[in-house]
Protein backbone atom coordinates (compact mmCIF):
# COMPACT_ATOMS: atom_id res chain seq x y z
CA MET A 1 0.00 0.00 0.00
CA LEU A 2 1.27 3.50 -0.85
CA GLN A 3 2.18 5.83 1.98
CA HIS A 4 0.58 9.28 2.07
CA ALA A 5 4.00 11.00 1.85
CA GLY A 6 4.79 9.04 -1.31
CA LEU A 7 1.58 9.98 -3.12
CA ARG A 8 1.30 13.43 -4.66
CA ALA A 9 -1.38 14.60 -7.05
CA ALA A 10 -2.44 11.02 -7.78
CA ARG A 11 1.06 9.91 -8.81
CA LEU A 12 3.95 8.30 -7.00
CA VAL A 13 6.84 10.57 -6.14
CA LEU A 14 10.05 8.95 -5.07
CA PRO A 15 11.77 10.39 -2.00
CA GLY A 16 14.16 13.18 -2.99
CA ALA A 17 12.59 13.59 -6.45
CA ARG A 18 11.34 17.01 -7.49
CA VAL A 19 7.71 17.39 -8.46
CA ARG A 20 7.40 19.26 -11.73
CA ASP A 21 4.37 21.35 -12.61
CA CYS A 22 2.84 19.72 -15.69
CA ARG A 23 0.84 22.76 -16.80
CA PRO A 24 2.06 24.45 -19.98
CA ALA A 25 3.94 27.72 -19.69
CA GLY A 26 1.59 30.68 -19.64
CA TRP A 27 -1.49 28.61 -18.81
CA MET A 28 -3.10 31.48 -16.89
CA ARG A 29 -2.98 33.89 -19.84
CA HIS A 30 -5.73 32.08 -21.72
CA ARG A 31 -8.18 32.35 -18.81
CA LYS A 32 -8.98 36.04 -19.32
CA SER A 33 -11.85 36.34 -21.75
CA ALA A 34 -11.86 39.10 -24.32
CA SER A 35 -15.55 39.62 -23.51
CA VAL A 36 -14.88 40.76 -19.94
CA PRO A 37 -15.75 44.44 -20.00
CA SER A 38 -13.36 47.02 -18.67
CA MET A 39 -14.64 49.87 -16.51
CA THR A 40 -15.11 52.08 -19.58
CA ASP A 41 -16.95 49.34 -21.49
CA ARG A 42 -19.58 48.95 -18.77
CA ALA A 43 -20.44 52.65 -18.66
CA PRO A 44 -23.49 52.21 -20.96
CA PHE A 45 -24.74 49.38 -18.74
CA ASP A 46 -24.33 51.41 -15.55
CA ALA A 47 -26.10 54.42 -17.10
CA PHE A 48 -28.95 52.18 -18.28
CA ILE A 49 -29.39 50.56 -14.85
CA ASP A 50 -29.38 53.99 -13.17
CA SER A 51 -32.16 55.13 -15.53
CA LEU A 52 -34.31 52.13 -14.52
CA ARG A 53 -34.08 52.83 -10.79
CA ASP A 54 -36.96 55.35 -10.88
CA ARG A 55 -39.43 52.52 -11.45
CA ALA A 56 -37.34 49.79 -9.83
CA PRO A 57 -35.65 51.28 -6.73
CA THR A 58 -34.49 47.85 -5.46
CA LEU A 59 -32.58 47.14 -8.68
CA GLU A 60 -29.00 46.21 -7.88
CA ALA A 61 -25.99 45.74 -10.14
CA THR A 62 -23.91 42.60 -9.70
CA GLN A 63 -21.99 40.12 -11.87
CA MET A 64 -22.82 36.87 -13.62
CA PHE A 65 -20.00 34.89 -15.24
CA GLY A 66 -17.80 37.95 -14.89
CA LYS A 67 -20.22 40.10 -16.85
CA PRO A 68 -22.23 42.99 -15.40
CA CYS A 69 -25.84 42.14 -14.65
CA ALA A 70 -28.79 43.46 -12.70
CA ARG A 71 -31.45 41.93 -10.51
CA LEU A 72 -34.11 43.00 -8.08
CA ALA A 73 -32.91 42.78 -4.46
CA GLY A 74 -32.40 39.14 -3.53
CA GLY A 75 -33.57 37.86 -6.92
CA LYS A 76 -31.86 36.20 -9.85
CA PRO A 77 -30.15 38.19 -12.60
CA VAL A 78 -32.51 39.15 -15.45
CA ILE A 79 -30.54 41.87 -17.28
CA SER A 80 -26.94 41.73 -18.43
CA TYR A 81 -24.49 43.45 -20.79
CA PHE A 82 -22.39 41.51 -23.30
CA GLN A 83 -20.56 42.50 -26.50
CA ASP A 84 -21.98 46.05 -26.51
CA ALA A 85 -25.56 44.75 -26.29
CA MET A 86 -28.11 44.49 -23.51
CA VAL A 87 -29.20 40.98 -22.61
CA PHE A 88 -32.62 40.19 -21.16
CA LYS A 89 -34.14 37.07 -19.58
CA LEU A 90 -37.61 36.95 -21.08
CA GLY A 91 -38.51 33.27 -21.47
CA ALA A 92 -37.94 30.95 -24.41
CA ALA A 93 -41.16 31.81 -26.30
CA ARG A 94 -40.61 35.56 -26.05
CA VAL A 95 -36.97 35.17 -27.11
CA GLN A 96 -38.10 33.31 -30.24
CA ASP A 97 -40.62 36.08 -31.03
CA ILE A 98 -37.98 38.79 -30.71
CA MET A 99 -35.43 36.93 -32.83
CA ALA A 100 -38.04 36.17 -35.50
CA GLY A 101 -38.84 39.88 -35.80
CA ASN A 102 -35.28 41.19 -35.74
CA GLU A 103 -32.26 39.45 -37.24
CA GLU A 104 -29.77 41.51 -35.18
CA CYS A 105 -31.04 39.93 -31.95
CA VAL A 106 -29.32 36.65 -31.10
CA PRO A 107 -29.49 34.10 -28.30
CA PHE A 108 -27.22 34.90 -25.34
CA ASP A 109 -24.19 32.60 -25.53
CA PRO A 110 -21.58 33.95 -23.08
CA SER A 111 -19.23 30.98 -23.61
CA GLY A 112 -19.18 31.37 -27.40
CA LYS A 113 -19.34 27.59 -27.74
CA GLY A 114 -22.76 27.29 -29.33
CA ARG A 115 -24.61 26.68 -26.05
CA PRO A 116 -26.96 29.67 -25.70
CA PHE A 117 -29.23 30.25 -22.72
CA LYS A 118 -32.75 29.43 -23.91
CA ASP A 119 -34.50 32.19 -21.91
CA TRP A 120 -32.05 35.02 -22.72
CA VAL A 121 -31.81 37.28 -25.77
CA GLN A 122 -28.97 39.64 -26.74
CA VAL A 123 -30.30 42.92 -28.14
CA PRO A 124 -27.84 45.41 -29.68
CA GLU A 125 -28.77 49.09 -29.66
CA SER A 126 -28.83 49.06 -33.47
CA ALA A 127 -31.77 46.61 -33.37
CA GLY A 128 -34.09 49.53 -32.64
CA LEU A 129 -35.97 47.77 -29.83
CA ASP A 130 -36.97 49.61 -26.66
CA TRP A 131 -34.46 48.49 -24.02
CA ASP A 132 -36.53 50.07 -21.23
CA ALA A 133 -39.63 48.08 -22.15
CA LEU A 134 -37.63 44.85 -22.41
CA ALA A 135 -35.94 45.55 -19.07
CA PHE A 136 -39.25 46.12 -17.27
CA GLU A 137 -40.65 42.99 -18.91
CA ALA A 138 -37.63 41.01 -17.66
CA LEU A 139 -38.04 42.51 -14.18
CA GLY A 140 -41.76 41.69 -14.18
CA LEU A 141 -42.80 45.34 -13.76
């Protein structure tokens, strides 16, 4: 039976041998996503959330998957900001209606791996849809 001191990271290490890190050089560099907004990139989101607080005073800004989002106090996120577009959680049927009527609107896929969230739609400003109305619909107001 192997002794605890001789077992490291699920492999046997002989006494006096050096354990080498098997991760490739620079492995942390790939972890930062290009879609993570900087402070200047999230300015439109912050301004939009501030404008909604008249009708939704308990609206709070937070993060979801490293992206800015908003929710009512204690609730789940229903509004986000990704790739210079607002993202709303409206339900699968409503998302399909919006995408059918506007080709610029796409499903929200924060991973970029073809696995979109079924209840979320990404709406760029150029789509011409009323972000306020969609936000209040997402918030249930």
